[in-house]
Amino acid sequence: MGTATLVIMAAGIGSRFGGGIKQLEPVGPNGEIIMDYSIYDACKAGFDKVVFVIREDLEKDFRQVIGNRIAKKVNVEYAFQEICDIPDKYKEKFPNRTKPWGTGQAVLCCREVVKEPFLVINADDYYGREAYEEAYKYLTSPQEDRDRQQAAMVGFVLENTLSENGGVTRGICKVDENGMLSHIMETQGIEKKDGFAVSGEKKIALDSPVSMNMWGLYPDFFDTLDKGFFEFLENLNENNEKSEYLLPTIMGELLEQNKIDIRVLKTHDKWFGVTYKGDKEIVVKSVQQLIEAGLYEGL
C-alpha cells in the first residue's frame, strides 16, 4: 500500500472546556490523551507520518505530553497555526483579531510538510478504528483522472456523535445514491430529545450522516485552500473579529460550485470527545471499555 499522513489539528484554545488545554487532558489509565488512541488507530490502519498543527507557544508542553513519545513510534512533524500568519495588508485590516482563523487555515499551515495524501482530524475527537481503515484505503487507492478535485469525508451517524452535556455543532450531510456528498449544512446547538435530534425548532433524524471534520485530501488541495483563504480575508468586514475559515464551509462552497467530488466513507463507530467539562467522565469510561475489549493492547 502507499504512504499517507495523519494531520491533527490541535491549535484550538478550548474555551468551552473551561480554559484548560483540552487536547492534553488525560483520559486513559496511564495518562494517555485522546490523541494517543487516534494515532494508534491510524498507525494500525497504515498511516506512517503524523503532523501536529499547534500554536507555537504550546510546543514545549505539547512535546512533553505527547509529541516526544509519539516520535519514538512514527515520523512526526509540526506545523504552527498563528493568527498573525497572514499577508501584511490583512494584519493592518484586522489589528485586534484574537480568535484563530479556523480549520481551513490550520490545514493550510501544513503545506510545507505534507507532500502525500493526508487525513485531517480534530485533536480532541475519538473517531474509532474503522474510520482510519476506510480513510487509508481511499487515500492509497489509485484515483481516476477527473476534471474536478477529489476528496473524501468520513461520515458518522448523528446519534453516535451527540453529547449528554449540551448542544453540539455538526455538519449535517446529504449523500447521493452513488455515495457522494451532495450537500453539507453546518448546524449548531444539536441535542437529543424525544427520539430525535433537535436544533432549535428543527428536528433532525438520528441516523443522519454527519461530518466530524475528518477529511481525506490530496496535496493539490493546498492551492485551493490558499486561494480561498485570500478571498475570505479580502471579503471579510474589518469589524468582523470572529468569522473563521472553516473546512465544512469551504467544502460546501466547492460542492455548490461543482469544483470537487467528495466520497463519503461510512463508519458505525461511536464518536466521543471532550467538548464540555462534563464529557471527560464519559470519555474515560468509554476508553476503559475499549481497552477491556482488547483494542489497545500494547499502546
C-alpha atoms as a PDB file:
ATOM      1  CA  MET A   1       0.000   0.000   0.000  1.00  0.00           C
ATOM      2  CA  GLY A   2       1.002   3.625  -0.412  1.00  0.00           C
ATOM      3  CA  THR A   3       2.020   6.279   2.060  1.00  0.00           C
ATOM      4  CA  ALA A   4      -0.428   8.582   3.856  1.00  0.00           C
ATOM      5  CA  THR A   5      -0.142  11.225   6.578  1.00  0.00           C
ATOM      6  CA  LEU A   6      -2.346  11.989   9.568  1.00  0.00           C
ATOM      7  CA  VAL A   7      -2.807  15.735  10.199  1.00  0.00           C
ATOM      8  CA  ILE A   8      -4.027  16.541  13.717  1.00  0.00           C
ATOM      9  CA  MET A   9      -5.490  19.998  14.318  1.00  0.00           C
ATOM     10  CA  ALA A  10      -4.546  20.876  17.899  1.00  0.00           C
ATOM     11  CA  ALA A  11      -4.207  24.662  17.908  1.00  0.00           C
ATOM     12  CA  GLY A  12      -7.641  25.323  19.460  1.00  0.00           C
ATOM     13  CA  ILE A  13      -7.825  27.104  22.794  1.00  0.00           C
ATOM     14  CA  GLY A  14     -10.749  25.038  24.084  1.00  0.00           C
ATOM     15  CA  SER A  15     -12.841  27.863  25.543  1.00  0.00           C
ATOM     16  CA  ARG A  16     -15.971  25.745  26.122  1.00  0.00           C
ATOM     17  CA  PHE A  17     -13.926  23.295  28.151  1.00  0.00           C
ATOM     18  CA  GLY A  18     -13.193  25.884  30.817  1.00  0.00           C
ATOM     19  CA  GLY A  19      -9.841  27.430  29.961  1.00  0.00           C
ATOM     20  CA  GLY A  20      -7.523  24.412  30.069  1.00  0.00           C
ATOM     21  CA  ILE A  21      -5.832  22.880  27.061  1.00  0.00           C
ATOM     22  CA  LYS A  22      -8.488  20.235  26.493  1.00  0.00           C
ATOM     23  CA  GLN A  23      -6.440  18.386  23.861  1.00  0.00           C
ATOM     24  CA  LEU A  24      -3.903  17.491  26.581  1.00  0.00           C
ATOM     25  CA  GLU A  25      -6.391  16.221  29.195  1.00  0.00           C
ATOM     26  CA  PRO A  26      -5.544  12.637  30.281  1.00  0.00           C
ATOM     27  CA  VAL A  27      -8.354  10.132  29.675  1.00  0.00           C
ATOM     28  CA  GLY A  28      -6.518   6.785  29.775  1.00  0.00           C
ATOM     29  CA  PRO A  29      -5.369   4.662  32.751  1.00  0.00           C
ATOM     30  CA  ASN A  30      -1.719   5.706  32.339  1.00  0.00           C
ATOM     31  CA  GLY A  31      -2.256   9.345  31.475  1.00  0.00           C
ATOM     32  CA  GLU A  32      -2.970   8.764  27.777  1.00  0.00           C
ATOM     33  CA  ILE A  33      -4.841  11.507  25.944  1.00  0.00           C
ATOM     34  CA  ILE A  34      -7.369  11.097  23.110  1.00  0.00           C
ATOM     35  CA  MET A  35      -4.637  11.704  20.519  1.00  0.00           C
ATOM     36  CA  ASP A  36      -2.771   8.609  21.740  1.00  0.00           C
ATOM     37  CA  TYR A  37      -5.699   6.440  20.682  1.00  0.00           C
ATOM     38  CA  SER A  38      -6.225   8.302  17.401  1.00  0.00           C
ATOM     39  CA  ILE A  39      -2.580   7.875  16.415  1.00  0.00           C
ATOM     40  CA  TYR A  40      -2.571   4.219  17.482  1.00  0.00           C
ATOM     41  CA  ASP A  41      -5.633   3.545  15.305  1.00  0.00           C
ATOM     42  CA  ALA A  42      -4.183   5.477  12.363  1.00  0.00           C
ATOM     43  CA  CYS A  43      -0.860   3.620  12.504  1.00  0.00           C
ATOM     44  CA  LYS A  44      -2.690   0.282  12.726  1.00  0.00           C
ATOM     45  CA  ALA A  45      -4.568   1.278   9.579  1.00  0.00           C
ATOM     46  CA  GLY A  46      -1.312   2.091   7.732  1.00  0.00           C
ATOM     47  CA  PHE A  47      -0.618   5.814   8.188  1.00  0.00           C
ATOM     48  CA  ASP A  48       3.142   6.368   8.509  1.00  0.00           C
ATOM     49  CA  LYS A  49       3.512  10.060   9.395  1.00  0.00           C
ATOM     50  CA  VAL A  50       1.823  12.402  11.881  1.00  0.00           C
ATOM     51  CA  VAL A  51       1.740  16.195  11.575  1.00  0.00           C
ATOM     52  CA  PHE A  52       0.643  18.148  14.643  1.00  0.00           C
ATOM     53  CA  VAL A  53      -0.839  21.600  13.967  1.00  0.00           C
ATOM     54  CA  ILE A  54      -0.346  23.600  17.163  1.00  0.00           C
ATOM     55  CA  ARG A  55       0.261  27.115  18.417  1.00  0.00           C
ATOM     56  CA  GLU A  56       3.970  27.781  18.706  1.00  0.00           C
ATOM     57  CA  ASP A  57       3.672  28.839  22.367  1.00  0.00           C
ATOM     58  CA  LEU A  58       2.334  25.342  23.178  1.00  0.00           C
ATOM     59  CA  GLU A  59       5.210  23.467  21.559  1.00  0.00           C
ATOM     60  CA  LYS A  60       7.222  22.736  24.714  1.00  0.00           C
ATOM     61  CA  ASP A  61       4.231  21.423  26.690  1.00  0.00           C
ATOM     62  CA  PHE A  62       2.938  19.556  23.670  1.00  0.00           C
ATOM     63  CA  ARG A  63       6.207  17.738  23.068  1.00  0.00           C
ATOM     64  CA  GLN A  64       6.407  16.754  26.736  1.00  0.00           C
ATOM     65  CA  VAL A  65       2.825  15.495  26.959  1.00  0.00           C
ATOM     66  CA  ILE A  66       2.683  13.577  23.676  1.00  0.00           C
ATOM     67  CA  GLY A  67       4.986  14.687  20.850  1.00  0.00           C
ATOM     68  CA  ASN A  68       8.242  13.158  22.046  1.00  0.00           C
ATOM     69  CA  ARG A  69       6.512   9.903  22.958  1.00  0.00           C
ATOM     70  CA  ILE A  70       4.824   9.557  19.571  1.00  0.00           C
ATOM     71  CA  ALA A  71       8.056  10.409  17.734  1.00  0.00           C
ATOM     72  CA  LYS A  72       9.523   7.113  19.007  1.00  0.00           C
ATOM     73  CA  LYS A  73       6.840   5.183  17.115  1.00  0.00           C
ATOM     74  CA  VAL A  74       6.165   7.137  13.921  1.00  0.00           C
ATOM     75  CA  ASN A  75       7.586  10.007  11.854  1.00  0.00           C
ATOM     76  CA  VAL A  76       6.396  13.280  13.462  1.00  0.00           C
ATOM     77  CA  GLU A  77       6.437  16.842  12.149  1.00  0.00           C
ATOM     78  CA  TYR A  78       4.969  20.126  13.396  1.00  0.00           C
ATOM     79  CA  ALA A  79       3.143  22.981  11.737  1.00  0.00           C
ATOM     80  CA  PHE A  80       2.284  26.179  13.592  1.00  0.00           C
ATOM     81  CA  GLN A  81      -1.039  27.997  13.278  1.00  0.00           C
ATOM     82  CA  GLU A  82      -0.830  31.641  14.298  1.00  0.00           C
ATOM     83  CA  ILE A  83      -3.346  34.473  14.000  1.00  0.00           C
ATOM     84  CA  CYS A  84      -0.601  36.715  12.587  1.00  0.00           C
ATOM     85  CA  ASP A  85       0.343  34.234   9.836  1.00  0.00           C
ATOM     86  CA  ILE A  86      -1.484  36.158   7.101  1.00  0.00           C
ATOM     87  CA  PRO A  87      -0.325  38.688   4.451  1.00  0.00           C
ATOM     88  CA  ASP A  88       0.748  42.027   5.912  1.00  0.00           C
ATOM     89  CA  LYS A  89      -2.113  44.011   4.401  1.00  0.00           C
ATOM     90  CA  TYR A  90      -4.617  41.869   6.318  1.00  0.00           C
ATOM     91  CA  LYS A  91      -2.713  42.320   9.579  1.00  0.00           C
ATOM     92  CA  GLU A  92      -3.446  46.020   9.174  1.00  0.00           C
ATOM     93  CA  LYS A  93      -7.079  45.260   8.322  1.00  0.00           C
ATOM     94  CA  PHE A  94      -7.620  43.128  11.469  1.00  0.00           C
ATOM     95  CA  PRO A  95      -5.285  44.622  14.132  1.00  0.00           C
ATOM     96  CA  ASN A  96      -7.409  43.467  17.085  1.00  0.00           C
ATOM     97  CA  ARG A  97      -8.031  39.895  15.970  1.00  0.00           C
ATOM     98  CA  THR A  98      -7.642  37.386  18.860  1.00  0.00           C
ATOM     99  CA  LYS A  99      -9.683  34.436  17.520  1.00  0.00           C
ATOM    100  CA  PRO A 100      -7.876  31.799  15.408  1.00  0.00           C
ATOM    101  CA  TRP A 101      -8.682  31.795  11.694  1.00  0.00           C
ATOM    102  CA  GLY A 102     -10.209  28.307  11.706  1.00  0.00           C
ATOM    103  CA  THR A 103      -9.667  24.806  10.385  1.00  0.00           C
ATOM    104  CA  GLY A 104      -9.054  25.904   6.787  1.00  0.00           C
ATOM    105  CA  GLN A 105      -6.023  27.915   7.880  1.00  0.00           C
ATOM    106  CA  ALA A 106      -4.933  25.046  10.161  1.00  0.00           C
ATOM    107  CA  VAL A 107      -4.665  22.691   7.194  1.00  0.00           C
ATOM    108  CA  LEU A 108      -3.009  25.359   5.042  1.00  0.00           C
ATOM    109  CA  CYS A 109      -0.254  25.649   7.660  1.00  0.00           C
ATOM    110  CA  CYS A 110       0.846  22.096   6.740  1.00  0.00           C
ATOM    111  CA  ARG A 111       1.673  22.906   3.167  1.00  0.00           C
ATOM    112  CA  GLU A 112       5.457  22.707   3.589  1.00  0.00           C
ATOM    113  CA  VAL A 113       5.496  19.410   5.498  1.00  0.00           C
ATOM    114  CA  VAL A 114       2.734  17.407   3.764  1.00  0.00           C
ATOM    115  CA  LYS A 115       3.508  16.162   0.253  1.00  0.00           C
ATOM    116  CA  GLU A 116       1.424  12.960   0.285  1.00  0.00           C
ATOM    117  CA  PRO A 117      -2.307  12.106   0.589  1.00  0.00           C
ATOM    118  CA  PHE A 118      -3.476  13.059   4.088  1.00  0.00           C
ATOM    119  CA  LEU A 119      -6.293  12.678   6.586  1.00  0.00           C
ATOM    120  CA  VAL A 120      -7.338  15.654   8.717  1.00  0.00           C
ATOM    121  CA  ILE A 121      -8.768  15.155  12.227  1.00  0.00           C
ATOM    122  CA  ASN A 122      -9.536  17.171  15.363  1.00  0.00           C
ATOM    123  CA  ALA A 123      -7.174  16.579  18.270  1.00  0.00           C
ATOM    124  CA  ASP A 124      -9.910  16.182  20.874  1.00  0.00           C
ATOM    125  CA  ASP A 125     -12.152  13.746  18.966  1.00  0.00           C
ATOM    126  CA  TYR A 126     -12.106   9.949  19.175  1.00  0.00           C
ATOM    127  CA  TYR A 127     -13.177   8.539  15.810  1.00  0.00           C
ATOM    128  CA  GLY A 128     -12.732   4.750  16.085  1.00  0.00           C
ATOM    129  CA  ARG A 129     -10.589   2.243  14.173  1.00  0.00           C
ATOM    130  CA  GLU A 130     -12.972   1.738  11.233  1.00  0.00           C
ATOM    131  CA  ALA A 131     -12.769   5.408  10.237  1.00  0.00           C
ATOM    132  CA  TYR A 132      -8.984   5.269   9.772  1.00  0.00           C
ATOM    133  CA  GLU A 133      -9.112   1.977   7.885  1.00  0.00           C
ATOM    134  CA  GLU A 134     -11.670   3.344   5.423  1.00  0.00           C
ATOM    135  CA  ALA A 135      -9.742   6.609   5.002  1.00  0.00           C
ATOM    136  CA  TYR A 136      -6.389   4.891   4.446  1.00  0.00           C
ATOM    137  CA  LYS A 137      -7.917   2.548   1.882  1.00  0.00           C
ATOM    138  CA  TYR A 138      -9.350   5.533  -0.006  1.00  0.00           C
ATOM    139  CA  LEU A 139      -6.213   7.687   0.140  1.00  0.00           C
ATOM    140  CA  THR A 140      -3.862   4.941  -1.049  1.00  0.00           C
ATOM    141  CA  SER A 141      -6.066   3.605  -3.864  1.00  0.00           C
ATOM    142  CA  PRO A 142      -5.372   4.743  -7.435  1.00  0.00           C
ATOM    143  CA  GLN A 143      -7.523   7.729  -8.384  1.00  0.00           C
ATOM    144  CA  GLU A 144      -9.082   8.164 -11.801  1.00  0.00           C
ATOM    145  CA  ASP A 145      -8.172  11.311 -13.735  1.00  0.00           C
ATOM    146  CA  ARG A 146     -11.076  13.714 -13.365  1.00  0.00           C
ATOM    147  CA  ASP A 147     -11.803  17.333 -14.150  1.00  0.00           C
ATOM    148  CA  ARG A 148     -12.704  18.130 -10.537  1.00  0.00           C
ATOM    149  CA  GLN A 149     -10.684  17.788  -7.357  1.00  0.00           C
ATOM    150  CA  GLN A 150     -11.182  14.562  -5.406  1.00  0.00           C
ATOM    151  CA  ALA A 151     -11.647  14.253  -1.640  1.00  0.00           C
ATOM    152  CA  ALA A 152     -13.305  12.073   0.966  1.00  0.00           C
ATOM    153  CA  MET A 153     -15.242  12.691   4.147  1.00  0.00           C
ATOM    154  CA  VAL A 154     -15.736  10.093   6.855  1.00  0.00           C
ATOM    155  CA  GLY A 155     -19.450  10.168   7.626  1.00  0.00           C
ATOM    156  CA  PHE A 156     -20.682   9.339  11.122  1.00  0.00           C
ATOM    157  CA  VAL A 157     -24.201   8.519  12.290  1.00  0.00           C
ATOM    158  CA  LEU A 158     -25.538  11.633  14.087  1.00  0.00           C
ATOM    159  CA  GLU A 159     -26.799   9.666  17.102  1.00  0.00           C
ATOM    160  CA  ASN A 160     -23.270   8.347  17.665  1.00  0.00           C
ATOM    161  CA  THR A 161     -21.855  11.876  17.960  1.00  0.00           C
ATOM    162  CA  LEU A 162     -24.115  13.702  20.448  1.00  0.00           C
ATOM    163  CA  SER A 163     -23.037  14.946  23.878  1.00  0.00           C
ATOM    164  CA  GLU A 164     -25.053  14.397  27.041  1.00  0.00           C
ATOM    165  CA  ASN A 165     -23.811  17.724  28.401  1.00  0.00           C
ATOM    166  CA  GLY A 166     -25.029  20.287  25.898  1.00  0.00           C
ATOM    167  CA  GLY A 167     -25.665  21.192  22.278  1.00  0.00           C
ATOM    168  CA  VAL A 168     -23.077  20.415  19.622  1.00  0.00           C
ATOM    169  CA  THR A 169     -22.302  21.714  16.141  1.00  0.00           C
ATOM    170  CA  ARG A 170     -22.360  19.145  13.351  1.00  0.00           C
ATOM    171  CA  GLY A 171     -22.188  19.232   9.581  1.00  0.00           C
ATOM    172  CA  ILE A 172     -25.465  17.542   8.528  1.00  0.00           C
ATOM    173  CA  CYS A 173     -24.857  15.827   5.196  1.00  0.00           C
ATOM    174  CA  LYS A 174     -26.861  14.725   2.186  1.00  0.00           C
ATOM    175  CA  VAL A 175     -25.385  11.764   0.321  1.00  0.00           C
ATOM    176  CA  ASP A 176     -26.472  10.787  -3.204  1.00  0.00           C
ATOM    177  CA  GLU A 177     -27.165   7.263  -4.493  1.00  0.00           C
ATOM    178  CA  ASN A 178     -23.510   6.900  -5.563  1.00  0.00           C
ATOM    179  CA  GLY A 179     -22.181   7.569  -2.064  1.00  0.00           C
ATOM    180  CA  MET A 180     -21.040  11.094  -2.910  1.00  0.00           C
ATOM    181  CA  LEU A 181     -21.609  14.144  -0.729  1.00  0.00           C
ATOM    182  CA  SER A 182     -24.164  16.451  -2.339  1.00  0.00           C
ATOM    183  CA  HIS A 183     -24.744  18.995   0.454  1.00  0.00           C
ATOM    184  CA  ILE A 184     -23.417  19.866   3.907  1.00  0.00           C
ATOM    185  CA  MET A 185     -25.160  22.180   6.372  1.00  0.00           C
ATOM    186  CA  GLU A 186     -23.287  23.341   9.464  1.00  0.00           C
ATOM    187  CA  THR A 187     -25.913  23.087  12.222  1.00  0.00           C
ATOM    188  CA  GLN A 188     -25.435  24.424  15.763  1.00  0.00           C
ATOM    189  CA  GLY A 189     -26.923  23.517  19.142  1.00  0.00           C
ATOM    190  CA  ILE A 190     -27.944  19.932  18.279  1.00  0.00           C
ATOM    191  CA  GLU A 191     -29.302  17.956  21.244  1.00  0.00           C
ATOM    192  CA  LYS A 192     -31.144  14.647  21.677  1.00  0.00           C
ATOM    193  CA  LYS A 193     -34.816  14.999  22.618  1.00  0.00           C
ATOM    194  CA  ASP A 194     -37.823  12.630  22.427  1.00  0.00           C
ATOM    195  CA  GLY A 195     -36.212  10.217  19.987  1.00  0.00           C
ATOM    196  CA  PHE A 196     -34.947  12.929  17.649  1.00  0.00           C
ATOM    197  CA  ALA A 197     -32.018  15.268  17.357  1.00  0.00           C
ATOM    198  CA  VAL A 198     -33.170  18.876  17.570  1.00  0.00           C
ATOM    199  CA  SER A 199     -31.597  22.209  16.730  1.00  0.00           C
ATOM    200  CA  GLY A 200     -33.912  24.952  17.950  1.00  0.00           C
ATOM    201  CA  GLU A 201     -37.312  24.114  16.445  1.00  0.00           C
ATOM    202  CA  LYS A 202     -35.815  21.900  13.756  1.00  0.00           C
ATOM    203  CA  LYS A 203     -35.992  18.087  14.053  1.00  0.00           C
ATOM    204  CA  ILE A 204     -33.175  16.016  12.569  1.00  0.00           C
ATOM    205  CA  ALA A 205     -33.240  12.227  12.096  1.00  0.00           C
ATOM    206  CA  LEU A 206     -30.832  10.487  14.479  1.00  0.00           C
ATOM    207  CA  ASP A 207     -29.466   8.322  11.661  1.00  0.00           C
ATOM    208  CA  SER A 208     -28.478  11.351   9.544  1.00  0.00           C
ATOM    209  CA  PRO A 209     -24.904  11.241   8.222  1.00  0.00           C
ATOM    210  CA  VAL A 210     -22.720  13.953   9.729  1.00  0.00           C
ATOM    211  CA  SER A 211     -19.253  15.365   9.237  1.00  0.00           C
ATOM    212  CA  MET A 212     -16.895  15.334  12.223  1.00  0.00           C
ATOM    213  CA  ASN A 213     -14.092  17.207  10.437  1.00  0.00           C
ATOM    214  CA  MET A 214     -12.425  14.011   9.222  1.00  0.00           C
ATOM    215  CA  TRP A 215     -11.367  14.735   5.645  1.00  0.00           C
ATOM    216  CA  GLY A 216      -9.267  12.735   3.211  1.00  0.00           C
ATOM    217  CA  LEU A 217      -7.356  15.127   0.951  1.00  0.00           C
ATOM    218  CA  TYR A 218      -4.546  15.331  -1.600  1.00  0.00           C
ATOM    219  CA  PRO A 219      -1.659  17.851  -1.790  1.00  0.00           C
ATOM    220  CA  ASP A 220      -3.271  19.738  -4.700  1.00  0.00           C
ATOM    221  CA  PHE A 221      -5.939  20.862  -2.228  1.00  0.00           C
ATOM    222  CA  PHE A 222      -3.456  23.305  -0.665  1.00  0.00           C
ATOM    223  CA  ASP A 223      -3.678  25.544  -3.755  1.00  0.00           C
ATOM    224  CA  THR A 224      -7.471  25.628  -3.409  1.00  0.00           C
ATOM    225  CA  LEU A 225      -7.209  26.465   0.296  1.00  0.00           C
ATOM    226  CA  ASP A 226      -4.652  29.203  -0.345  1.00  0.00           C
ATOM    227  CA  LYS A 227      -6.810  30.903  -2.978  1.00  0.00           C
ATOM    228  CA  GLY A 228      -9.929  30.536  -0.807  1.00  0.00           C
ATOM    229  CA  PHE A 229      -8.217  31.980   2.288  1.00  0.00           C
ATOM    230  CA  PHE A 230      -7.130  35.046   0.318  1.00  0.00           C
ATOM    231  CA  GLU A 231     -10.721  35.564  -0.880  1.00  0.00           C
ATOM    232  CA  PHE A 232     -12.050  35.010   2.655  1.00  0.00           C
ATOM    233  CA  LEU A 233      -9.756  37.690   4.101  1.00  0.00           C
ATOM    234  CA  GLU A 234     -10.428  40.052   1.199  1.00  0.00           C
ATOM    235  CA  ASN A 235     -14.216  39.856   1.621  1.00  0.00           C
ATOM    236  CA  LEU A 236     -14.329  39.874   5.425  1.00  0.00           C
ATOM    237  CA  ASN A 237     -15.534  43.089   7.025  1.00  0.00           C
ATOM    238  CA  GLU A 238     -12.736  44.736   9.005  1.00  0.00           C
ATOM    239  CA  ASN A 239     -15.014  44.933  12.070  1.00  0.00           C
ATOM    240  CA  ASN A 240     -15.660  41.178  11.974  1.00  0.00           C
ATOM    241  CA  GLU A 241     -13.365  39.731  14.642  1.00  0.00           C
ATOM    242  CA  LYS A 242     -14.943  36.266  14.887  1.00  0.00           C
ATOM    243  CA  SER A 243     -15.614  34.706  11.473  1.00  0.00           C
ATOM    244  CA  GLU A 244     -13.459  31.682  10.690  1.00  0.00           C
ATOM    245  CA  TYR A 245     -12.293  29.967   7.517  1.00  0.00           C
ATOM    246  CA  LEU A 246     -13.832  26.542   8.166  1.00  0.00           C
ATOM    247  CA  LEU A 247     -13.394  23.256   6.312  1.00  0.00           C
ATOM    248  CA  PRO A 248     -17.117  22.300   6.208  1.00  0.00           C
ATOM    249  CA  THR A 249     -17.985  25.716   4.743  1.00  0.00           C
ATOM    250  CA  ILE A 250     -15.127  25.502   2.241  1.00  0.00           C
ATOM    251  CA  MET A 251     -16.220  22.023   1.151  1.00  0.00           C
ATOM    252  CA  GLY A 252     -19.849  23.111   0.887  1.00  0.00           C
ATOM    253  CA  GLU A 253     -18.944  26.044  -1.355  1.00  0.00           C
ATOM    254  CA  LEU A 254     -16.727  23.877  -3.595  1.00  0.00           C
ATOM    255  CA  LEU A 255     -19.616  21.415  -3.939  1.00  0.00           C
ATOM    256  CA  GLU A 256     -22.030  24.194  -4.905  1.00  0.00           C
ATOM    257  CA  GLN A 257     -19.548  25.435  -7.497  1.00  0.00           C
ATOM    258  CA  ASN A 258     -19.167  21.880  -8.866  1.00  0.00           C
ATOM    259  CA  LYS A 259     -15.405  22.020  -8.292  1.00  0.00           C
ATOM    260  CA  ILE A 260     -14.981  18.902  -6.136  1.00  0.00           C
ATOM    261  CA  ASP A 261     -16.164  15.303  -5.784  1.00  0.00           C
ATOM    262  CA  ILE A 262     -16.354  14.155  -2.153  1.00  0.00           C
ATOM    263  CA  ARG A 263     -16.687  10.444  -1.468  1.00  0.00           C
ATOM    264  CA  VAL A 264     -18.492   9.672   1.813  1.00  0.00           C
ATOM    265  CA  LEU A 265     -16.778   6.867   3.733  1.00  0.00           C
ATOM    266  CA  LYS A 266     -19.096   5.279   6.278  1.00  0.00           C
ATOM    267  CA  THR A 267     -18.246   4.335   9.832  1.00  0.00           C
ATOM    268  CA  HIS A 268     -20.538   2.948  12.508  1.00  0.00           C
ATOM    269  CA  ASP A 269     -18.143   3.517  15.399  1.00  0.00           C
ATOM    270  CA  LYS A 270     -19.260   5.759  18.240  1.00  0.00           C
ATOM    271  CA  TRP A 271     -17.536   9.115  18.265  1.00  0.00           C
ATOM    272  CA  PHE A 272     -16.687  10.784  21.545  1.00  0.00           C
ATOM    273  CA  GLY A 273     -14.835  13.893  22.532  1.00  0.00           C
ATOM    274  CA  VAL A 274     -14.284  16.449  25.256  1.00  0.00           C
ATOM    275  CA  THR A 275     -16.411  19.429  24.266  1.00  0.00           C
ATOM    276  CA  TYR A 276     -17.631  20.221  27.797  1.00  0.00           C
ATOM    277  CA  LYS A 277     -16.094  19.585  31.223  1.00  0.00           C
ATOM    278  CA  GLY A 278     -18.803  17.021  31.913  1.00  0.00           C
ATOM    279  CA  ASP A 279     -17.788  14.976  28.864  1.00  0.00           C
ATOM    280  CA  LYS A 280     -14.489  13.877  30.374  1.00  0.00           C
ATOM    281  CA  GLU A 281     -16.022  11.295  32.706  1.00  0.00           C
ATOM    282  CA  ILE A 282     -17.894   9.700  29.788  1.00  0.00           C
ATOM    283  CA  VAL A 283     -14.723   9.635  27.683  1.00  0.00           C
ATOM    284  CA  VAL A 284     -12.719   7.988  30.462  1.00  0.00           C
ATOM    285  CA  LYS A 285     -15.370   5.261  30.818  1.00  0.00           C
ATOM    286  CA  SER A 286     -15.567   4.765  27.049  1.00  0.00           C
ATOM    287  CA  VAL A 287     -11.790   4.440  26.740  1.00  0.00           C
ATOM    288  CA  GLN A 288     -11.727   1.902  29.574  1.00  0.00           C
ATOM    289  CA  GLN A 289     -14.369  -0.207  27.826  1.00  0.00           C
ATOM    290  CA  LEU A 290     -12.344  -0.196  24.595  1.00  0.00           C
ATOM    291  CA  ILE A 291      -9.215  -1.226  26.493  1.00  0.00           C
ATOM    292  CA  GLU A 292     -11.090  -4.057  28.187  1.00  0.00           C
ATOM    293  CA  ALA A 293     -12.301  -5.171  24.746  1.00  0.00           C
ATOM    294  CA  GLY A 294      -8.625  -5.616  23.769  1.00  0.00           C
ATOM    295  CA  LEU A 295      -8.494  -2.803  21.245  1.00  0.00           C
ATOM    296  CA  TYR A 296      -5.460  -1.013  22.654  1.00  0.00           C
ATOM    297  CA  GLU A 297      -3.091  -3.738  23.805  1.00  0.00           C
ATOM    298  CA  GLY A 298       0.485  -2.541  23.716  1.00  0.00           C
ATOM    299  CA  LEU A 299      -0.332   1.147  23.426  1.00  0.00           C
END
